Amino acid sequence: MIIPLDQKTRIVGTSRGWELQRRRNFKGSSRWEPYKWFSTFRHTLEYAVHSEIRTHPAASLSEAIEAVSVIAQRYEQLVPSEYRLSK
């Protein structure tokens, strides 16, 4: 399974777990390379969401709240309903 998160990042299921991959340019060509590995889909998705929230350039509390809302909505649309996480 491959779930694109944006143009540069995606989640890929493998026979042993889950990878976060980023697109890298190498000698004039573009390819996907893994940079984080996880044993569960839940941990992979949590890491991706938290990472995007942490690195968002929001400069105020209201901007941060809006950013979290937009990021959460985008991830809900990206992830197929059968893989949605519930507590």
PDB file of N, CA and C in Angstrom:
ATOM      1  N   MET A   1       0.843  -1.166   0.000  1.00  0.00           N
ATOM      2  CA  MET A   1       0.000   0.000   0.000  1.00  0.00           C
ATOM      3  C   MET A   1       0.895   1.237   0.000  1.00  0.00           C
ATOM      4  N   ILE A   2       0.516   2.210  -0.803  1.00  0.00           N
ATOM      5  CA  ILE A   2       1.218   3.482  -0.851  1.00  0.00           C
ATOM      6  C   ILE A   2       0.190   4.590  -0.636  1.00  0.00           C
ATOM      7  N   ILE A   3       0.444   5.432   0.366  1.00  0.00           N
ATOM      8  CA  ILE A   3      -0.443   6.558   0.650  1.00  0.00           C
ATOM      9  C   ILE A   3       0.369   7.836   0.514  1.00  0.00           C
ATOM     10  N   PRO A   4       0.147   8.603  -0.573  1.00  0.00           N
ATOM     11  CA  PRO A   4       0.870   9.861  -0.722  1.00  0.00           C
ATOM     12  C   PRO A   4       0.354  10.899   0.273  1.00  0.00           C
ATOM     13  N   LEU A   5       1.267  11.534   0.996  1.00  0.00           N
ATOM     14  CA  LEU A   5       0.889  12.577   1.948  1.00  0.00           C
ATOM     15  C   LEU A   5       0.968  13.950   1.302  1.00  0.00           C
ATOM     16  N   ASP A   6       1.945  14.151   0.445  1.00  0.00           N
ATOM     17  CA  ASP A   6       2.084  15.356  -0.367  1.00  0.00           C
ATOM     18  C   ASP A   6       3.018  15.010  -1.524  1.00  0.00           C
ATOM     19  N   GLN A   7       3.513  16.012  -2.237  1.00  0.00           N
ATOM     20  CA  GLN A   7       4.361  15.759  -3.399  1.00  0.00           C
ATOM     21  C   GLN A   7       5.715  15.158  -3.032  1.00  0.00           C
ATOM     22  N   LYS A   8       6.149  15.347  -1.776  1.00  0.00           N
ATOM     23  CA  LYS A   8       7.487  14.916  -1.380  1.00  0.00           C
ATOM     24  C   LYS A   8       7.516  13.796  -0.351  1.00  0.00           C
ATOM     25  N   THR A   9       6.366  13.419   0.199  1.00  0.00           N
ATOM     26  CA  THR A   9       6.335  12.437   1.280  1.00  0.00           C
ATOM     27  C   THR A   9       5.210  11.434   1.065  1.00  0.00           C
ATOM     28  N   ARG A  10       5.467  10.180   1.451  1.00  0.00           N
ATOM     29  CA  ARG A  10       4.440   9.153   1.357  1.00  0.00           C
ATOM     30  C   ARG A  10       4.685   8.078   2.411  1.00  0.00           C
ATOM     31  N   ILE A  11       3.615   7.311   2.704  1.00  0.00           N
ATOM     32  CA  ILE A  11       3.689   6.147   3.589  1.00  0.00           C
ATOM     33  C   ILE A  11       3.632   4.916   2.700  1.00  0.00           C
ATOM     34  N   VAL A  12       4.531   3.965   2.951  1.00  0.00           N
ATOM     35  CA  VAL A  12       4.574   2.744   2.152  1.00  0.00           C
ATOM     36  C   VAL A  12       4.543   1.538   3.085  1.00  0.00           C
ATOM     37  N   GLY A  13       3.634   0.615   2.812  1.00  0.00           N
ATOM     38  CA  GLY A  13       3.586  -0.640   3.548  1.00  0.00           C
ATOM     39  C   GLY A  13       4.555  -1.627   2.921  1.00  0.00           C
ATOM     40  N   THR A  14       5.311  -2.329   3.754  1.00  0.00           N
ATOM     41  CA  THR A  14       6.246  -3.338   3.280  1.00  0.00           C
ATOM     42  C   THR A  14       5.914  -4.675   3.936  1.00  0.00           C
ATOM     43  N   SER A  15       6.658  -5.698   3.612  1.00  0.00           N
ATOM     44  CA  SER A  15       6.399  -7.007   4.210  1.00  0.00           C
ATOM     45  C   SER A  15       6.752  -7.037   5.697  1.00  0.00           C
ATOM     46  N   ARG A  16       7.548  -6.098   6.165  1.00  0.00           N
ATOM     47  CA  ARG A  16       7.976  -6.090   7.569  1.00  0.00           C
ATOM     48  C   ARG A  16       7.419  -4.946   8.402  1.00  0.00           C
ATOM     49  N   GLY A  17       6.788  -3.985   7.779  1.00  0.00           N
ATOM     50  CA  GLY A  17       6.273  -2.847   8.536  1.00  0.00           C
ATOM     51  C   GLY A  17       5.875  -1.710   7.615  1.00  0.00           C
ATOM     52  N   TRP A  18       6.084  -0.489   8.095  1.00  0.00           N
ATOM     53  CA  TRP A  18       5.691   0.720   7.378  1.00  0.00           C
ATOM     54  C   TRP A  18       6.875   1.657   7.294  1.00  0.00           C
ATOM     55  N   GLU A  19       6.962   2.373   6.179  1.00  0.00           N
ATOM     56  CA  GLU A  19       8.040   3.338   5.972  1.00  0.00           C
ATOM     57  C   GLU A  19       7.451   4.704   5.642  1.00  0.00           C
ATOM     58  N   LEU A  20       8.127   5.743   6.122  1.00  0.00           N
ATOM     59  CA  LEU A  20       7.898   7.079   5.596  1.00  0.00           C
ATOM     60  C   LEU A  20       8.990   7.293   4.568  1.00  0.00           C
ATOM     61  N   GLN A  21       8.601   7.710   3.380  1.00  0.00           N
ATOM     62  CA  GLN A  21       9.563   7.928   2.314  1.00  0.00           C
ATOM     63  C   GLN A  21       9.481   9.369   1.840  1.00  0.00           C
ATOM     64  N   ARG A  22      10.626   9.894   1.375  1.00  0.00           N
ATOM     65  CA  ARG A  22      10.640  11.222   0.769  1.00  0.00           C
ATOM     66  C   ARG A  22      11.275  11.130  -0.604  1.00  0.00           C
ATOM     67  N   ARG A  23      10.823  11.998  -1.473  1.00  0.00           N
ATOM     68  CA  ARG A  23      11.366  12.036  -2.831  1.00  0.00           C
ATOM     69  C   ARG A  23      12.716  12.745  -2.784  1.00  0.00           C
ATOM     70  N   ARG A  24      13.730  12.116  -3.376  1.00  0.00           N
ATOM     71  CA  ARG A  24      15.084  12.662  -3.411  1.00  0.00           C
ATOM     72  C   ARG A  24      15.550  12.778  -4.856  1.00  0.00           C
ATOM     73  N   ASN A  25      16.294  13.816  -5.132  1.00  0.00           N
ATOM     74  CA  ASN A  25      16.905  13.977  -6.445  1.00  0.00           C
ATOM     75  C   ASN A  25      18.329  13.452  -6.364  1.00  0.00           C
ATOM     76  N   PHE A  26      18.687  12.616  -7.320  1.00  0.00           N
ATOM     77  CA  PHE A  26      20.006  11.991  -7.323  1.00  0.00           C
ATOM     78  C   PHE A  26      20.502  11.869  -8.755  1.00  0.00           C
ATOM     79  N   LYS A  27      21.550  12.589  -9.047  1.00  0.00           N
ATOM     80  CA  LYS A  27      22.168  12.547 -10.381  1.00  0.00           C
ATOM     81  C   LYS A  27      21.154  12.774 -11.504  1.00  0.00           C
ATOM     82  N   GLY A  28      20.342  13.794 -11.335  1.00  0.00           N
ATOM     83  CA  GLY A  28      19.393  14.160 -12.380  1.00  0.00           C
ATOM     84  C   GLY A  28      18.096  13.385 -12.404  1.00  0.00           C
ATOM     85  N   SER A  29      17.938  12.393 -11.562  1.00  0.00           N
ATOM     86  CA  SER A  29      16.678  11.651 -11.516  1.00  0.00           C
ATOM     87  C   SER A  29      16.077  11.745 -10.116  1.00  0.00           C
ATOM     88  N   SER A  30      14.812  11.460 -10.037  1.00  0.00           N
ATOM     89  CA  SER A  30      14.094  11.532  -8.773  1.00  0.00           C
ATOM     90  C   SER A  30      13.720  10.122  -8.334  1.00  0.00           C
ATOM     91  N   ARG A  31      13.877   9.838  -7.042  1.00  0.00           N
ATOM     92  CA  ARG A  31      13.489   8.520  -6.535  1.00  0.00           C
ATOM     93  C   ARG A  31      13.013   8.650  -5.084  1.00  0.00           C
ATOM     94  N   TRP A  32      12.263   7.637  -4.651  1.00  0.00           N
ATOM     95  CA  TRP A  32      11.752   7.602  -3.279  1.00  0.00           C
ATOM     96  C   TRP A  32      12.738   6.857  -2.391  1.00  0.00           C
ATOM     97  N   GLU A  33      13.019   7.444  -1.216  1.00  0.00           N
ATOM     98  CA  GLU A  33      13.910   6.796  -0.251  1.00  0.00           C
ATOM     99  C   GLU A  33      13.265   6.808   1.127  1.00  0.00           C
ATOM    100  N   PRO A  34      13.316   5.686   1.844  1.00  0.00           N
ATOM    101  CA  PRO A  34      12.769   5.661   3.212  1.00  0.00           C
ATOM    102  C   PRO A  34      13.668   6.442   4.165  1.00  0.00           C
ATOM    103  N   TYR A  35      13.045   7.107   5.150  1.00  0.00           N
ATOM    104  CA  TYR A  35      13.825   7.811   6.172  1.00  0.00           C
ATOM    105  C   TYR A  35      13.361   7.501   7.591  1.00  0.00           C
ATOM    106  N   LYS A  36      12.221   6.848   7.748  1.00  0.00           N
ATOM    107  CA  LYS A  36      11.731   6.405   9.065  1.00  0.00           C
ATOM    108  C   LYS A  36      10.990   5.093   8.876  1.00  0.00           C
ATOM    109  N   TRP A  37      11.129   4.198   9.850  1.00  0.00           N
ATOM    110  CA  TRP A  37      10.485   2.888   9.793  1.00  0.00           C
ATOM    111  C   TRP A  37       9.662   2.682  11.051  1.00  0.00           C
ATOM    112  N   PHE A  38       8.500   2.008  10.900  1.00  0.00           N
ATOM    113  CA  PHE A  38       7.589   1.774  12.015  1.00  0.00           C
ATOM    114  C   PHE A  38       7.000   0.378  11.899  1.00  0.00           C
ATOM    115  N   SER A  39       6.617  -0.176  13.040  1.00  0.00           N
ATOM    116  CA  SER A  39       6.016  -1.507  13.028  1.00  0.00           C
ATOM    117  C   SER A  39       4.513  -1.464  12.814  1.00  0.00           C
ATOM    118  N   THR A  40       3.867  -0.306  13.072  1.00  0.00           N
ATOM    119  CA  THR A  40       2.416  -0.209  12.892  1.00  0.00           C
ATOM    120  C   THR A  40       2.053   1.011  12.053  1.00  0.00           C
ATOM    121  N   PHE A  41       0.922   0.902  11.383  1.00  0.00           N
ATOM    122  CA  PHE A  41       0.412   2.022  10.596  1.00  0.00           C
ATOM    123  C   PHE A  41       0.095   3.199  11.505  1.00  0.00           C
ATOM    124  N   ARG A  42      -0.450   2.915  12.664  1.00  0.00           N
ATOM    125  CA  ARG A  42      -0.802   3.971  13.629  1.00  0.00           C
ATOM    126  C   ARG A  42       0.412   4.829  13.970  1.00  0.00           C
ATOM    127  N   HIS A  43       1.527   4.211  14.297  1.00  0.00           N
ATOM    128  CA  HIS A  43       2.729   4.970  14.655  1.00  0.00           C
ATOM    129  C   HIS A  43       3.262   5.781  13.477  1.00  0.00           C
ATOM    130  N   THR A  44       3.182   5.221  12.287  1.00  0.00           N
ATOM    131  CA  THR A  44       3.632   5.922  11.094  1.00  0.00           C
ATOM    132  C   THR A  44       2.811   7.182  10.871  1.00  0.00           C
ATOM    133  N   LEU A  45       1.501   7.041  10.939  1.00  0.00           N
ATOM    134  CA  LEU A  45       0.610   8.171  10.724  1.00  0.00           C
ATOM    135  C   LEU A  45       0.763   9.218  11.824  1.00  0.00           C
ATOM    136  N   GLU A  46       0.859   8.782  13.067  1.00  0.00           N
ATOM    137  CA  GLU A  46       1.046   9.719  14.175  1.00  0.00           C
ATOM    138  C   GLU A  46       2.329  10.526  14.001  1.00  0.00           C
ATOM    139  N   TYR A  47       3.410   9.845  13.632  1.00  0.00           N
ATOM    140  CA  TYR A  47       4.680  10.541  13.441  1.00  0.00           C
ATOM    141  C   TYR A  47       4.559  11.588  12.336  1.00  0.00           C
ATOM    142  N   ALA A  48       3.938  11.229  11.217  1.00  0.00           N
ATOM    143  CA  ALA A  48       3.802  12.154  10.091  1.00  0.00           C
ATOM    144  C   ALA A  48       2.977  13.385  10.482  1.00  0.00           C
ATOM    145  N   VAL A  49       1.854  13.170  11.155  1.00  0.00           N
ATOM    146  CA  VAL A  49       0.999  14.284  11.569  1.00  0.00           C
ATOM    147  C   VAL A  49       1.723  15.167  12.578  1.00  0.00           C
ATOM    148  N   HIS A  50       2.295  14.566  13.614  1.00  0.00           N
ATOM    149  CA  HIS A  50       2.983  15.349  14.646  1.00  0.00           C
ATOM    150  C   HIS A  50       4.157  16.121  14.067  1.00  0.00           C
ATOM    151  N   SER A  51       4.886  15.509  13.149  1.00  0.00           N
ATOM    152  CA  SER A  51       6.024  16.178  12.529  1.00  0.00           C
ATOM    153  C   SER A  51       5.574  17.406  11.740  1.00  0.00           C
ATOM    154  N   GLU A  52       4.509  17.257  10.982  1.00  0.00           N
ATOM    155  CA  GLU A  52       4.010  18.393  10.208  1.00  0.00           C
ATOM    156  C   GLU A  52       3.499  19.511  11.111  1.00  0.00           C
ATOM    157  N   ILE A  53       2.833  19.156  12.191  1.00  0.00           N
ATOM    158  CA  ILE A  53       2.345  20.175  13.133  1.00  0.00           C
ATOM    159  C   ILE A  53       3.522  20.882  13.802  1.00  0.00           C
ATOM    160  N   ARG A  54       4.521  20.117  14.252  1.00  0.00           N
ATOM    161  CA  ARG A  54       5.683  20.716  14.932  1.00  0.00           C
ATOM    162  C   ARG A  54       6.455  21.683  14.049  1.00  0.00           C
ATOM    163  N   THR A  55       6.553  21.400  12.773  1.00  0.00           N
ATOM    164  CA  THR A  55       7.372  22.222  11.891  1.00  0.00           C
ATOM    165  C   THR A  55       6.577  23.289  11.137  1.00  0.00           C
ATOM    166  N   HIS A  56       5.297  23.414  11.427  1.00  0.00           N
ATOM    167  CA  HIS A  56       4.482  24.441  10.774  1.00  0.00           C
ATOM    168  C   HIS A  56       4.965  25.828  11.213  1.00  0.00           C
ATOM    169  N   PRO A  57       4.991  26.797  10.307  1.00  0.00           N
ATOM    170  CA  PRO A  57       5.526  28.123  10.653  1.00  0.00           C
ATOM    171  C   PRO A  57       4.549  29.059  11.370  1.00  0.00           C
ATOM    172  N   ALA A  58       3.543  28.545  12.043  1.00  0.00           N
ATOM    173  CA  ALA A  58       2.579  29.399  12.744  1.00  0.00           C
ATOM    174  C   ALA A  58       3.311  30.293  13.748  1.00  0.00           C
ATOM    175  N   ALA A  59       2.869  31.570  13.795  1.00  0.00           N
ATOM    176  CA  ALA A  59       3.530  32.546  14.668  1.00  0.00           C
ATOM    177  C   ALA A  59       2.655  32.994  15.838  1.00  0.00           C
ATOM    178  N   SER A  60       1.422  32.532  15.894  1.00  0.00           N
ATOM    179  CA  SER A  60       0.542  32.907  17.002  1.00  0.00           C
ATOM    180  C   SER A  60      -0.331  31.713  17.366  1.00  0.00           C
ATOM    181  N   LEU A  61      -0.987  31.818  18.488  1.00  0.00           N
ATOM    182  CA  LEU A  61      -1.853  30.737  18.946  1.00  0.00           C
ATOM    183  C   LEU A  61      -2.990  30.487  17.953  1.00  0.00           C
ATOM    184  N   SER A  62      -3.603  31.543  17.456  1.00  0.00           N
ATOM    185  CA  SER A  62      -4.709  31.358  16.513  1.00  0.00           C
ATOM    186  C   SER A  62      -4.230  30.715  15.213  1.00  0.00           C
ATOM    187  N   GLU A  63      -3.042  31.090  14.740  1.00  0.00           N
ATOM    188  CA  GLU A  63      -2.481  30.449  13.543  1.00  0.00           C
ATOM    189  C   GLU A  63      -2.179  28.975  13.805  1.00  0.00           C
ATOM    190  N   ALA A  64      -1.685  28.673  14.987  1.00  0.00           N
ATOM    191  CA  ALA A  64      -1.370  27.288  15.339  1.00  0.00           C
ATOM    192  C   ALA A  64      -2.635  26.436  15.396  1.00  0.00           C
ATOM    193  N   ILE A  65      -3.687  26.959  15.985  1.00  0.00           N
ATOM    194  CA  ILE A  65      -4.956  26.227  16.068  1.00  0.00           C
ATOM    195  C   ILE A  65      -5.514  25.981  14.674  1.00  0.00           C
ATOM    196  N   GLU A  66      -5.464  26.988  13.827  1.00  0.00           N
ATOM    197  CA  GLU A  66      -5.936  26.840  12.445  1.00  0.00           C
ATOM    198  C   GLU A  66      -5.092  25.816  11.697  1.00  0.00           C
ATOM    199  N   ALA A  67      -3.774  25.845  11.885  1.00  0.00           N
ATOM    200  CA  ALA A  67      -2.884  24.897  11.210  1.00  0.00           C
ATOM    201  C   ALA A  67      -3.189  23.462  11.621  1.00  0.00           C
ATOM    202  N   VAL A  68      -3.392  23.234  12.906  1.00  0.00           N
ATOM    203  CA  VAL A  68      -3.716  21.885  13.392  1.00  0.00           C
ATOM    204  C   VAL A  68      -5.016  21.410  12.770  1.00  0.00           C
ATOM    205  N   SER A  69      -6.004  22.285  12.699  1.00  0.00           N
ATOM    206  CA  SER A  69      -7.288  21.920  12.105  1.00  0.00           C
ATOM    207  C   SER A  69      -7.139  21.551  10.627  1.00  0.00           C
ATOM    208  N   VAL A  70      -6.404  22.359   9.884  1.00  0.00           N
ATOM    209  CA  VAL A  70      -6.218  22.104   8.450  1.00  0.00           C
ATOM    210  C   VAL A  70      -5.434  20.810   8.225  1.00  0.00           C
ATOM    211  N   ILE A  71      -4.381  20.610   8.994  1.00  0.00           N
ATOM    212  CA  ILE A  71      -3.559  19.401   8.859  1.00  0.00           C
ATOM    213  C   ILE A  71      -4.383  18.158   9.183  1.00  0.00           C
ATOM    214  N   ALA A  72      -5.145  18.203  10.269  1.00  0.00           N
ATOM    215  CA  ALA A  72      -5.966  17.054  10.661  1.00  0.00           C
ATOM    216  C   ALA A  72      -7.005  16.730   9.584  1.00  0.00           C
ATOM    217  N   GLN A  73      -7.641  17.751   9.023  1.00  0.00           N
ATOM    218  CA  GLN A  73      -8.632  17.519   7.972  1.00  0.00           C
ATOM    219  C   GLN A  73      -7.986  16.914   6.726  1.00  0.00           C
ATOM    220  N   ARG A  74      -6.805  17.399   6.366  1.00  0.00           N
ATOM    221  CA  ARG A  74      -6.120  16.871   5.188  1.00  0.00           C
ATOM    222  C   ARG A  74      -5.769  15.400   5.365  1.00  0.00           C
ATOM    223  N   TYR A  75      -5.278  15.029   6.549  1.00  0.00           N
ATOM    224  CA  TYR A  75      -4.933  13.628   6.788  1.00  0.00           C
ATOM    225  C   TYR A  75      -6.167  12.743   6.824  1.00  0.00           C
ATOM    226  N   GLU A  76      -7.268  13.250   7.332  1.00  0.00           N
ATOM    227  CA  GLU A  76      -8.509  12.469   7.313  1.00  0.00           C
ATOM    228  C   GLU A  76      -8.935  12.167   5.883  1.00  0.00           C
ATOM    229  N   GLN A  77      -8.727  13.099   4.974  1.00  0.00           N
ATOM    230  CA  GLN A  77      -9.100  12.886   3.575  1.00  0.00           C
ATOM    231  C   GLN A  77      -8.126  11.953   2.868  1.00  0.00           C
ATOM    232  N   LEU A  78      -6.874  11.931   3.279  1.00  0.00           N
ATOM    233  CA  LEU A  78      -5.851  11.106   2.630  1.00  0.00           C
ATOM    234  C   LEU A  78      -5.951   9.633   2.982  1.00  0.00           C
ATOM    235  N   VAL A  79      -6.308   9.347   4.212  1.00  0.00           N
ATOM    236  CA  VAL A  79      -6.279   7.973   4.705  1.00  0.00           C
ATOM    237  C   VAL A  79      -7.608   7.281   4.387  1.00  0.00           C
ATOM    238  N   PRO A  80      -7.572   6.126   3.717  1.00  0.00           N
ATOM    239  CA  PRO A  80      -8.809   5.396   3.434  1.00  0.00           C
ATOM    240  C   PRO A  80      -9.586   5.089   4.714  1.00  0.00           C
ATOM    241  N   SER A  81     -10.907   5.092   4.637  1.00  0.00           N
ATOM    242  CA  SER A  81     -11.743   4.937   5.832  1.00  0.00           C
ATOM    243  C   SER A  81     -11.468   3.640   6.586  1.00  0.00           C
ATOM    244  N   GLU A  82     -11.088   2.566   5.888  1.00  0.00           N
ATOM    245  CA  GLU A  82     -10.823   1.301   6.590  1.00  0.00           C
ATOM    246  C   GLU A  82      -9.552   1.352   7.436  1.00  0.00           C
ATOM    247  N   TYR A  83      -8.733   2.395   7.245  1.00  0.00           N
ATOM    248  CA  TYR A  83      -7.493   2.516   8.018  1.00  0.00           C
ATOM    249  C   TYR A  83      -7.565   3.664   9.018  1.00  0.00           C
ATOM    250  N   ARG A  84      -8.729   4.267   9.173  1.00  0.00           N
ATOM    251  CA  ARG A  84      -8.859   5.354  10.143  1.00  0.00           C
ATOM    252  C   ARG A  84      -8.651   4.808  11.537  1.00  0.00           C
ATOM    253  N   LEU A  85      -7.991   5.594  12.355  1.00  0.00           N
ATOM    254  CA  LEU A  85      -7.654   5.149  13.707  1.00  0.00           C
ATOM    255  C   LEU A  85      -8.747   5.596  14.676  1.00  0.00           C
ATOM    256  N   SER A  86      -9.121   4.704  15.558  1.00  0.00           N
ATOM    257  CA  SER A  86     -10.091   5.040  16.591  1.00  0.00           C
ATOM    258  C   SER A  86      -9.545   4.592  17.924  1.00  0.00           C
ATOM    259  N   LYS A  87      -9.949   5.292  18.942  1.00  0.00           N
ATOM    260  CA  LYS A  87      -9.436   4.965  20.277  1.00  0.00           C
ATOM    261  C   LYS A  87     -10.435   4.158  21.046  1.00  0.00           C
TER     262      LYS A  87
END
